[in-house]
Amino acid sequence: MRKSREDAAQTRLRIIEAASHEFRRNGFDGTGLTDLMAAAGLTHGGFYKHFSSKDEVAVEACTRAIADVPAVVEQRTAMQAGRPLNLNRAIKNYLSSEHLSNVSQGCPFAALGSELSRGSPEVREAATVGLKGVVDALAKEGLAGGDNDAWSRALGVATSMIGALTMARMVDDPKLASQILSEARSRLST
């Protein structure tokens, strides 16, 4: 029996979601199609029914993961349960040991930064749009007076957080990783 278009669309989305997590966990080169499909709960043979290449799924997975980031930032800086989480709370959440160890579901910029920079024009465009969205969401917090000052400060905060998380993941010394996050939190908090 053939799958309905709706079933096929759901399966395609499942593959994209799995790819998003697997690419963040293992990188583009470190993720094979067999592993990607296993993570989606599917067999390797079904991949080409949905995508023409690994590059195609990479573009869609990165676009999806990056597109979600500004909304996450807004959610973490918005009011929750009647109290504002504000920028300092967002910094604390981002530069936490939980986020450090949760690569597959964490920030795609920190997990895939160097790979995104070498990505296709479509991947780089998605990264650019996503980063601007993150900076816009942080700037809404009114970080430093006027709009231009707030956006510039937000750009500095975003790039510092991404860089700190990337460096903390890069080192093999847990104590140093923790120190990197702690120093970045203290320097970025207002």
N, C-alpha and C. Protein backbone atom coordinates (compact mmCIF):
# COMPACT_ATOMS: atom_id res chain seq x y z
N MET A 1 0.85 -1.17 0.00
CA MET A 1 0.00 0.00 0.00
C MET A 1 0.89 1.24 0.00
N ARG A 2 0.58 2.19 -0.85
CA ARG A 2 1.36 3.42 -0.93
C ARG A 2 1.00 4.35 0.23
N LYS A 3 1.99 5.09 0.64
CA LYS A 3 1.74 6.06 1.69
C LYS A 3 1.00 7.27 1.13
N SER A 4 0.17 7.85 1.95
CA SER A 4 -0.51 9.07 1.54
C SER A 4 0.50 10.22 1.53
N ARG A 5 0.12 11.29 0.88
CA ARG A 5 1.01 12.48 0.85
C ARG A 5 1.26 12.99 2.26
N GLU A 6 0.23 12.91 3.09
CA GLU A 6 0.38 13.37 4.48
C GLU A 6 1.38 12.49 5.24
N ASP A 7 1.30 11.18 5.05
CA ASP A 7 2.26 10.26 5.68
C ASP A 7 3.67 10.54 5.17
N ALA A 8 3.81 10.76 3.88
CA ALA A 8 5.13 11.04 3.30
C ALA A 8 5.68 12.35 3.86
N ALA A 9 4.82 13.36 4.00
CA ALA A 9 5.27 14.64 4.55
C ALA A 9 5.70 14.48 6.01
N GLN A 10 4.98 13.68 6.77
CA GLN A 10 5.35 13.44 8.17
C GLN A 10 6.67 12.68 8.26
N THR A 11 6.87 11.71 7.38
CA THR A 11 8.13 10.96 7.37
C THR A 11 9.28 11.89 6.99
N ARG A 12 9.08 12.72 6.01
CA ARG A 12 10.12 13.68 5.60
C ARG A 12 10.48 14.60 6.77
N LEU A 13 9.47 15.08 7.48
CA LEU A 13 9.71 15.94 8.64
C LEU A 13 10.47 15.18 9.73
N ARG A 14 10.13 13.92 9.92
CA ARG A 14 10.84 13.09 10.90
C ARG A 14 12.32 12.95 10.54
N ILE A 15 12.61 12.79 9.27
CA ILE A 15 14.00 12.71 8.82
C ILE A 15 14.71 14.04 9.05
N ILE A 16 14.05 15.13 8.74
CA ILE A 16 14.65 16.46 8.94
C ILE A 16 14.96 16.69 10.41
N GLU A 17 14.00 16.35 11.29
CA GLU A 17 14.22 16.50 12.73
C GLU A 17 15.40 15.65 13.20
N ALA A 18 15.45 14.40 12.77
CA ALA A 18 16.55 13.52 13.16
C ALA A 18 17.87 14.07 12.63
N ALA A 19 17.87 14.54 11.40
CA ALA A 19 19.08 15.10 10.81
C ALA A 19 19.55 16.32 11.58
N SER A 20 18.62 17.15 12.00
CA SER A 20 18.97 18.34 12.78
C SER A 20 19.73 17.96 14.04
N HIS A 21 19.25 16.95 14.74
CA HIS A 21 19.91 16.50 15.97
C HIS A 21 21.23 15.79 15.67
N GLU A 22 21.22 14.91 14.69
CA GLU A 22 22.44 14.15 14.36
C GLU A 22 23.54 15.04 13.82
N PHE A 23 23.21 16.02 12.99
CA PHE A 23 24.23 16.94 12.47
C PHE A 23 24.83 17.75 13.61
N ARG A 24 24.01 18.20 14.56
CA ARG A 24 24.56 18.95 15.69
C ARG A 24 25.44 18.06 16.56
N ARG A 25 25.06 16.81 16.71
CA ARG A 25 25.82 15.89 17.56
C ARG A 25 27.14 15.47 16.89
N ASN A 26 27.10 15.14 15.59
CA ASN A 26 28.25 14.53 14.93
C ASN A 26 28.84 15.33 13.78
N GLY A 27 28.23 16.46 13.43
CA GLY A 27 28.68 17.23 12.28
C GLY A 27 28.15 16.62 10.99
N PHE A 28 28.34 17.35 9.90
CA PHE A 28 27.86 16.87 8.61
C PHE A 28 28.63 15.63 8.16
N ASP A 29 29.95 15.71 8.20
CA ASP A 29 30.76 14.58 7.74
C ASP A 29 30.66 13.38 8.66
N GLY A 30 30.42 13.61 9.94
CA GLY A 30 30.35 12.52 10.90
C GLY A 30 28.99 11.83 10.96
N THR A 31 28.05 12.30 10.17
CA THR A 31 26.71 11.71 10.15
C THR A 31 26.50 10.99 8.83
N GLY A 32 26.41 9.69 8.91
CA GLY A 32 26.12 8.90 7.71
C GLY A 32 24.63 8.75 7.53
N LEU A 33 24.23 8.44 6.31
CA LEU A 33 22.80 8.26 6.03
C LEU A 33 22.18 7.14 6.83
N THR A 34 22.93 6.07 7.05
CA THR A 34 22.41 4.95 7.84
C THR A 34 22.12 5.40 9.26
N ASP A 35 23.05 6.15 9.86
CA ASP A 35 22.85 6.66 11.22
C ASP A 35 21.69 7.64 11.29
N LEU A 36 21.63 8.51 10.30
CA LEU A 36 20.57 9.51 10.25
C LEU A 36 19.20 8.83 10.17
N MET A 37 19.07 7.86 9.30
CA MET A 37 17.79 7.17 9.14
C MET A 37 17.45 6.33 10.37
N ALA A 38 18.46 5.72 10.98
CA ALA A 38 18.22 4.96 12.22
C ALA A 38 17.70 5.89 13.31
N ALA A 39 18.27 7.09 13.39
CA ALA A 39 17.80 8.05 14.39
C ALA A 39 16.35 8.46 14.14
N ALA A 40 15.93 8.42 12.87
CA ALA A 40 14.55 8.74 12.53
C ALA A 40 13.64 7.52 12.67
N GLY A 41 14.24 6.35 13.00
CA GLY A 41 13.47 5.13 13.14
C GLY A 41 13.08 4.51 11.81
N LEU A 42 13.91 4.77 10.80
CA LEU A 42 13.62 4.29 9.45
C LEU A 42 14.82 3.53 8.89
N THR A 43 14.60 2.86 7.77
CA THR A 43 15.70 2.15 7.13
C THR A 43 16.41 3.07 6.13
N HIS A 44 17.65 2.75 5.88
CA HIS A 44 18.50 3.54 4.99
C HIS A 44 17.88 3.67 3.60
N GLY A 45 17.26 2.60 3.11
CA GLY A 45 16.72 2.57 1.76
C GLY A 45 15.64 3.60 1.49
N GLY A 46 14.96 4.05 2.50
CA GLY A 46 13.87 5.01 2.30
C GLY A 46 14.31 6.44 2.13
N PHE A 47 15.59 6.72 2.37
CA PHE A 47 16.07 8.10 2.32
C PHE A 47 15.78 8.75 0.97
N TYR A 48 16.12 8.07 -0.10
CA TYR A 48 16.03 8.67 -1.43
C TYR A 48 14.60 8.81 -1.95
N LYS A 49 13.64 8.31 -1.21
CA LYS A 49 12.24 8.58 -1.55
C LYS A 49 11.86 10.01 -1.14
N HIS A 50 12.67 10.58 -0.22
CA HIS A 50 12.35 11.90 0.32
C HIS A 50 13.36 12.98 -0.06
N PHE A 51 14.60 12.59 -0.29
CA PHE A 51 15.66 13.56 -0.57
C PHE A 51 16.54 13.05 -1.70
N SER A 52 17.08 13.98 -2.47
CA SER A 52 17.97 13.58 -3.56
C SER A 52 19.40 13.39 -3.09
N SER A 53 19.74 14.00 -1.94
CA SER A 53 21.12 13.91 -1.45
C SER A 53 21.19 14.28 0.03
N LYS A 54 22.32 13.97 0.62
CA LYS A 54 22.57 14.35 2.01
C LYS A 54 22.62 15.88 2.12
N ASP A 55 23.15 16.54 1.10
CA ASP A 55 23.20 18.00 1.11
C ASP A 55 21.80 18.61 1.18
N GLU A 56 20.86 18.01 0.49
CA GLU A 56 19.50 18.53 0.51
C GLU A 56 18.91 18.46 1.92
N VAL A 57 19.08 17.34 2.59
CA VAL A 57 18.55 17.22 3.95
C VAL A 57 19.34 18.13 4.89
N ALA A 58 20.62 18.34 4.63
CA ALA A 58 21.42 19.24 5.47
C ALA A 58 20.88 20.66 5.40
N VAL A 59 20.55 21.12 4.20
CA VAL A 59 20.01 22.47 4.06
C VAL A 59 18.70 22.59 4.84
N GLU A 60 17.81 21.62 4.68
CA GLU A 60 16.52 21.69 5.36
C GLU A 60 16.67 21.55 6.88
N ALA A 61 17.54 20.66 7.31
CA ALA A 61 17.73 20.46 8.76
C ALA A 61 18.35 21.69 9.40
N CYS A 62 19.34 22.27 8.76
CA CYS A 62 19.97 23.48 9.32
C CYS A 62 19.02 24.65 9.30
N THR A 63 18.30 24.80 8.20
CA THR A 63 17.33 25.89 8.10
C THR A 63 16.30 25.78 9.22
N ARG A 64 15.82 24.57 9.45
CA ARG A 64 14.82 24.36 10.50
C ARG A 64 15.39 24.63 11.90
N ALA A 65 16.57 24.09 12.18
CA ALA A 65 17.18 24.28 13.50
C ALA A 65 17.49 25.74 13.76
N ILE A 66 18.03 26.41 12.76
CA ILE A 66 18.40 27.81 12.92
C ILE A 66 17.15 28.69 13.03
N ALA A 67 16.13 28.37 12.27
CA ALA A 67 14.89 29.16 12.32
C ALA A 67 14.24 29.13 13.70
N ASP A 68 14.46 28.06 14.45
CA ASP A 68 13.88 27.94 15.78
C ASP A 68 14.60 28.76 16.84
N VAL A 69 15.85 29.14 16.59
CA VAL A 69 16.67 29.79 17.61
C VAL A 69 16.10 31.13 18.06
N PRO A 70 15.74 32.05 17.15
CA PRO A 70 15.18 33.33 17.64
C PRO A 70 13.95 33.15 18.54
N ALA A 71 13.09 32.20 18.21
CA ALA A 71 11.90 31.96 19.04
C ALA A 71 12.29 31.46 20.42
N VAL A 72 13.32 30.63 20.50
CA VAL A 72 13.80 30.15 21.80
C VAL A 72 14.34 31.32 22.61
N VAL A 73 15.10 32.20 21.98
CA VAL A 73 15.64 33.37 22.68
C VAL A 73 14.49 34.24 23.19
N GLU A 74 13.52 34.50 22.33
CA GLU A 74 12.38 35.31 22.76
C GLU A 74 11.64 34.67 23.91
N GLN A 75 11.47 33.36 23.84
CA GLN A 75 10.77 32.64 24.90
C GLN A 75 11.53 32.75 26.22
N ARG A 76 12.85 32.64 26.15
CA ARG A 76 13.64 32.68 27.38
C ARG A 76 13.81 34.06 27.95
N THR A 77 13.59 35.10 27.14
CA THR A 77 13.69 36.45 27.66
C THR A 77 12.34 37.07 27.94
N ALA A 78 11.27 36.37 27.58
CA ALA A 78 9.91 36.89 27.76
C ALA A 78 9.39 36.60 29.16
N MET A 79 8.21 37.09 29.40
CA MET A 79 7.56 36.83 30.68
C MET A 79 7.16 35.36 30.76
N GLN A 80 7.45 34.75 31.88
CA GLN A 80 6.97 33.40 32.16
C GLN A 80 6.49 33.38 33.59
N ALA A 81 5.32 32.84 33.77
CA ALA A 81 4.71 32.74 35.11
C ALA A 81 4.72 34.10 35.81
N GLY A 82 4.50 35.17 35.01
CA GLY A 82 4.38 36.50 35.61
C GLY A 82 5.68 37.17 35.96
N ARG A 83 6.81 36.55 35.68
CA ARG A 83 8.07 37.22 35.99
C ARG A 83 8.99 37.21 34.78
N PRO A 84 9.64 38.32 34.52
CA PRO A 84 10.50 38.36 33.35
C PRO A 84 11.77 37.53 33.58
N LEU A 85 12.15 36.76 32.56
CA LEU A 85 13.41 36.01 32.67
C LEU A 85 14.58 36.90 32.36
N ASN A 86 14.42 37.89 31.54
CA ASN A 86 15.38 38.90 31.14
C ASN A 86 16.68 38.35 30.56
N LEU A 87 17.52 39.26 30.15
CA LEU A 87 18.76 38.91 29.48
C LEU A 87 19.69 38.08 30.37
N ASN A 88 19.84 38.46 31.61
CA ASN A 88 20.76 37.71 32.49
C ASN A 88 20.33 36.25 32.63
N ARG A 89 19.04 36.01 32.69
CA ARG A 89 18.54 34.63 32.79
C ARG A 89 18.82 33.87 31.49
N ALA A 90 18.64 34.56 30.35
CA ALA A 90 18.93 33.94 29.05
C ALA A 90 20.40 33.57 28.95
N ILE A 91 21.27 34.45 29.42
CA ILE A 91 22.72 34.19 29.41
C ILE A 91 23.03 32.99 30.31
N LYS A 92 22.44 32.98 31.50
CA LYS A 92 22.67 31.88 32.43
C LYS A 92 22.20 30.55 31.84
N ASN A 93 21.03 30.53 31.19
CA ASN A 93 20.52 29.31 30.57
C ASN A 93 21.41 28.84 29.42
N TYR A 94 21.83 29.78 28.59
CA TYR A 94 22.64 29.43 27.42
C TYR A 94 24.01 28.92 27.84
N LEU A 95 24.63 29.59 28.79
CA LEU A 95 25.98 29.24 29.23
C LEU A 95 25.94 28.33 30.46
N SER A 96 25.10 27.32 30.39
CA SER A 96 24.93 26.38 31.50
C SER A 96 25.58 25.04 31.18
N SER A 97 25.82 24.26 32.22
CA SER A 97 26.38 22.92 32.01
C SER A 97 25.39 22.03 31.27
N GLU A 98 24.08 22.28 31.45
CA GLU A 98 23.07 21.50 30.75
C GLU A 98 23.15 21.73 29.23
N HIS A 99 23.28 23.00 28.86
CA HIS A 99 23.38 23.32 27.43
C HIS A 99 24.71 22.81 26.87
N LEU A 100 25.75 22.90 27.67
CA LEU A 100 27.07 22.40 27.25
C LEU A 100 26.99 20.94 26.84
N SER A 101 26.30 20.13 27.62
CA SER A 101 26.25 18.69 27.37
C SER A 101 25.13 18.27 26.42
N ASN A 102 24.24 19.18 26.07
CA ASN A 102 23.10 18.84 25.22
C ASN A 102 23.33 19.33 23.79
N VAL A 103 24.36 18.81 23.16
CA VAL A 103 24.75 19.27 21.83
C VAL A 103 23.66 19.04 20.80
N SER A 104 23.05 17.88 20.80
CA SER A 104 22.12 17.52 19.74
C SER A 104 20.83 18.36 19.75
N GLN A 105 20.49 18.93 20.89
CA GLN A 105 19.28 19.74 20.96
C GLN A 105 19.59 21.19 21.27
N GLY A 106 20.86 21.51 21.36
CA GLY A 106 21.26 22.86 21.70
C GLY A 106 21.42 23.77 20.49
N CYS A 107 22.11 24.84 20.71
CA CYS A 107 22.29 25.88 19.71
C CYS A 107 23.03 25.35 18.48
N PRO A 108 22.41 25.47 17.30
CA PRO A 108 23.08 25.00 16.09
C PRO A 108 24.29 25.86 15.71
N PHE A 109 24.30 27.12 16.12
CA PHE A 109 25.45 27.97 15.81
C PHE A 109 26.70 27.46 16.52
N ALA A 110 26.57 27.10 17.79
CA ALA A 110 27.71 26.59 18.54
C ALA A 110 28.09 25.19 18.09
N ALA A 111 27.11 24.38 17.75
CA ALA A 111 27.39 22.99 17.35
C ALA A 111 27.96 22.89 15.95
N LEU A 112 27.54 23.78 15.06
CA LEU A 112 27.91 23.64 13.64
C LEU A 112 28.57 24.87 13.04
N GLY A 113 29.00 25.81 13.88
CA GLY A 113 29.52 27.08 13.37
C GLY A 113 30.52 26.98 12.24
N SER A 114 31.58 26.21 12.43
CA SER A 114 32.60 26.14 11.38
C SER A 114 32.06 25.41 10.15
N GLU A 115 31.15 24.48 10.34
CA GLU A 115 30.57 23.79 9.18
C GLU A 115 29.58 24.69 8.45
N LEU A 116 28.83 25.49 9.20
CA LEU A 116 27.91 26.43 8.56
C LEU A 116 28.66 27.43 7.69
N SER A 117 29.83 27.84 8.16
CA SER A 117 30.61 28.82 7.40
C SER A 117 31.10 28.27 6.07
N ARG A 118 31.19 26.95 5.96
CA ARG A 118 31.61 26.31 4.70
C ARG A 118 30.42 25.71 3.96
N GLY A 119 29.23 25.99 4.43
CA GLY A 119 28.04 25.40 3.85
C GLY A 119 27.65 26.01 2.52
N SER A 120 26.62 25.46 1.95
CA SER A 120 26.09 25.96 0.69
C SER A 120 25.54 27.37 0.89
N PRO A 121 25.33 28.10 -0.19
CA PRO A 121 24.73 29.44 -0.05
C PRO A 121 23.40 29.41 0.71
N GLU A 122 22.61 28.34 0.51
CA GLU A 122 21.32 28.23 1.21
C GLU A 122 21.51 28.06 2.71
N VAL A 123 22.50 27.26 3.10
CA VAL A 123 22.79 27.06 4.52
C VAL A 123 23.30 28.36 5.13
N ARG A 124 24.19 29.04 4.43
CA ARG A 124 24.75 30.30 4.96
C ARG A 124 23.66 31.38 5.05
N GLU A 125 22.74 31.39 4.10
CA GLU A 125 21.64 32.34 4.16
C GLU A 125 20.76 32.06 5.38
N ALA A 126 20.47 30.79 5.63
CA ALA A 126 19.68 30.42 6.81
C ALA A 126 20.41 30.82 8.08
N ALA A 127 21.73 30.62 8.12
CA ALA A 127 22.51 31.01 9.30
C ALA A 127 22.46 32.51 9.51
N THR A 128 22.56 33.27 8.45
CA THR A 128 22.52 34.73 8.55
C THR A 128 21.17 35.21 9.06
N VAL A 129 20.10 34.70 8.48
CA VAL A 129 18.76 35.09 8.91
C VAL A 129 18.55 34.70 10.37
N GLY A 130 18.98 33.50 10.74
CA GLY A 130 18.83 33.05 12.12
C GLY A 130 19.60 33.88 13.11
N LEU A 131 20.85 34.21 12.77
CA LEU A 131 21.66 35.02 13.69
C LEU A 131 21.05 36.41 13.85
N LYS A 132 20.61 37.00 12.75
CA LYS A 132 19.96 38.32 12.85
C LYS A 132 18.72 38.23 13.73
N GLY A 133 17.97 37.14 13.62
CA GLY A 133 16.79 36.96 14.45
C GLY A 133 17.13 36.87 15.93
N VAL A 134 18.22 36.17 16.24
CA VAL A 134 18.68 36.07 17.63
C VAL A 134 19.06 37.45 18.15
N VAL A 135 19.82 38.19 17.37
CA VAL A 135 20.25 39.52 17.79
C VAL A 135 19.04 40.44 17.97
N ASP A 136 18.09 40.37 17.04
CA ASP A 136 16.87 41.17 17.18
C ASP A 136 16.13 40.82 18.47
N ALA A 137 16.02 39.52 18.77
CA ALA A 137 15.31 39.09 20.00
C ALA A 137 16.03 39.60 21.24
N LEU A 138 17.36 39.53 21.25
CA LEU A 138 18.12 40.04 22.40
C LEU A 138 18.01 41.56 22.50
N ALA A 139 18.03 42.23 21.36
CA ALA A 139 17.95 43.70 21.36
C ALA A 139 16.61 44.19 21.90
N LYS A 140 15.56 43.39 21.75
CA LYS A 140 14.25 43.77 22.28
C LYS A 140 14.29 43.96 23.79
N GLU A 141 15.28 43.36 24.42
CA GLU A 141 15.41 43.51 25.87
C GLU A 141 15.89 44.91 26.25
N GLY A 142 16.20 45.76 25.25
CA GLY A 142 16.65 47.11 25.55
C GLY A 142 17.98 47.11 26.26
N LEU A 143 18.95 46.43 25.67
CA LEU A 143 20.23 46.20 26.34
C LEU A 143 21.03 47.46 26.63
N ALA A 144 20.87 48.50 25.79
CA ALA A 144 21.73 49.67 25.99
C ALA A 144 21.15 50.91 25.34
N GLY A 145 20.14 51.46 25.90
CA GLY A 145 19.63 52.72 25.39
C GLY A 145 18.95 52.62 24.05
N GLY A 146 19.44 53.39 23.06
CA GLY A 146 18.83 53.49 21.74
C GLY A 146 18.91 52.19 20.95
N ASP A 147 18.13 52.16 19.87
CA ASP A 147 18.04 50.96 19.04
C ASP A 147 19.38 50.50 18.50
N ASN A 148 20.19 51.43 17.96
CA ASN A 148 21.48 51.03 17.41
C ASN A 148 22.40 50.49 18.50
N ASP A 149 22.40 51.14 19.66
CA ASP A 149 23.22 50.65 20.77
C ASP A 149 22.75 49.28 21.22
N ALA A 150 21.45 49.09 21.32
CA ALA A 150 20.90 47.82 21.77
C ALA A 150 21.25 46.71 20.78
N TRP A 151 21.14 46.98 19.49
CA TRP A 151 21.44 45.95 18.50
C TRP A 151 22.93 45.61 18.51
N SER A 152 23.78 46.62 18.60
CA SER A 152 25.23 46.38 18.66
C SER A 152 25.61 45.57 19.90
N ARG A 153 25.04 45.94 21.04
CA ARG A 153 25.32 45.20 22.28
C ARG A 153 24.79 43.77 22.15
N ALA A 154 23.60 43.63 21.61
CA ALA A 154 23.02 42.29 21.44
C ALA A 154 23.88 41.44 20.52
N LEU A 155 24.44 42.04 19.47
CA LEU A 155 25.34 41.30 18.58
C LEU A 155 26.57 40.83 19.34
N GLY A 156 27.11 41.70 20.18
CA GLY A 156 28.26 41.31 21.01
C GLY A 156 27.92 40.21 21.99
N VAL A 157 26.76 40.30 22.62
CA VAL A 157 26.33 39.28 23.58
C VAL A 157 26.13 37.95 22.87
N ALA A 158 25.42 37.96 21.73
CA ALA A 158 25.16 36.71 21.00
C ALA A 158 26.45 36.04 20.56
N THR A 159 27.34 36.81 19.96
CA THR A 159 28.58 36.20 19.47
C THR A 159 29.48 35.76 20.62
N SER A 160 29.45 36.47 21.72
CA SER A 160 30.24 36.05 22.89
C SER A 160 29.70 34.76 23.49
N MET A 161 28.37 34.65 23.58
CA MET A 161 27.78 33.43 24.13
C MET A 161 28.08 32.23 23.23
N ILE A 162 27.89 32.41 21.92
CA ILE A 162 28.15 31.32 20.98
C ILE A 162 29.62 30.92 21.04
N GLY A 163 30.50 31.89 21.07
CA GLY A 163 31.94 31.60 21.13
C GLY A 163 32.33 30.90 22.42
N ALA A 164 31.78 31.35 23.54
CA ALA A 164 32.10 30.73 24.82
C ALA A 164 31.63 29.28 24.87
N LEU A 165 30.40 29.04 24.41
CA LEU A 165 29.89 27.67 24.41
C LEU A 165 30.72 26.78 23.48
N THR A 166 31.09 27.30 22.33
CA THR A 166 31.93 26.56 21.39
C THR A 166 33.27 26.20 22.02
N MET A 167 33.91 27.16 22.68
CA MET A 167 35.21 26.92 23.31
C MET A 167 35.07 25.92 24.46
N ALA A 168 34.02 26.03 25.24
CA ALA A 168 33.82 25.11 26.36
C ALA A 168 33.62 23.68 25.85
N ARG A 169 32.96 23.54 24.71
CA ARG A 169 32.78 22.20 24.14
C ARG A 169 34.07 21.68 23.50
N MET A 170 34.93 22.58 23.09
CA MET A 170 36.15 22.21 22.39
C MET A 170 37.18 21.58 23.31
N VAL A 171 37.27 22.05 24.55
CA VAL A 171 38.32 21.59 25.46
C VAL A 171 37.96 20.23 26.06
N ASP A 172 38.98 19.47 26.44
CA ASP A 172 38.74 18.15 27.03
C ASP A 172 38.86 18.15 28.55
N ASP A 173 38.96 19.33 29.13
CA ASP A 173 39.11 19.48 30.57
C ASP A 173 37.79 20.04 31.14
N PRO A 174 37.00 19.21 31.84
CA PRO A 174 35.70 19.68 32.35
C PRO A 174 35.81 20.90 33.26
N LYS A 175 36.87 20.97 34.03
CA LYS A 175 37.05 22.13 34.92
C LYS A 175 37.26 23.40 34.11
N LEU A 176 38.07 23.32 33.06
CA LEU A 176 38.30 24.47 32.19
C LEU A 176 37.01 24.84 31.45
N ALA A 177 36.27 23.86 30.98
CA ALA A 177 35.00 24.13 30.30
C ALA A 177 34.05 24.89 31.23
N SER A 178 33.96 24.45 32.45
CA SER A 178 33.12 25.12 33.43
C SER A 178 33.60 26.55 33.70
N GLN A 179 34.90 26.72 33.77
CA GLN A 179 35.48 28.05 34.00
C GLN A 179 35.18 28.98 32.81
N ILE A 180 35.26 28.46 31.59
CA ILE A 180 34.95 29.27 30.41
C ILE A 180 33.52 29.78 30.49
N LEU A 181 32.60 28.89 30.81
CA LEU A 181 31.19 29.29 30.91
C LEU A 181 30.98 30.30 32.03
N SER A 182 31.60 30.06 33.16
CA SER A 182 31.45 30.95 34.31
C SER A 182 31.99 32.35 34.01
N GLU A 183 33.17 32.42 33.41
CA GLU A 183 33.77 33.71 33.08
C GLU A 183 32.90 34.47 32.07
N ALA A 184 32.42 33.74 31.07
CA ALA A 184 31.56 34.40 30.07
C ALA A 184 30.27 34.90 30.71
N ARG A 185 29.66 34.09 31.58
CA ARG A 185 28.43 34.53 32.27
C ARG A 185 28.69 35.81 33.06
N SER A 186 29.78 35.84 33.80
CA SER A 186 30.04 37.01 34.66
C SER A 186 30.36 38.25 33.83
N ARG A 187 31.02 38.09 32.71
CA ARG A 187 31.36 39.25 31.88
C ARG A 187 30.19 39.75 31.04
N LEU A 188 29.26 38.87 30.71
CA LEU A 188 28.13 39.27 29.88
C LEU A 188 26.94 39.77 30.69
N SER A 189 26.83 39.35 31.92
CA SER A 189 25.68 39.76 32.75
C SER A 189 25.73 41.25 33.01
N THR A 190 24.53 41.84 33.00
CA THR A 190 24.45 43.28 33.18
C THR A 190 24.11 43.64 34.61
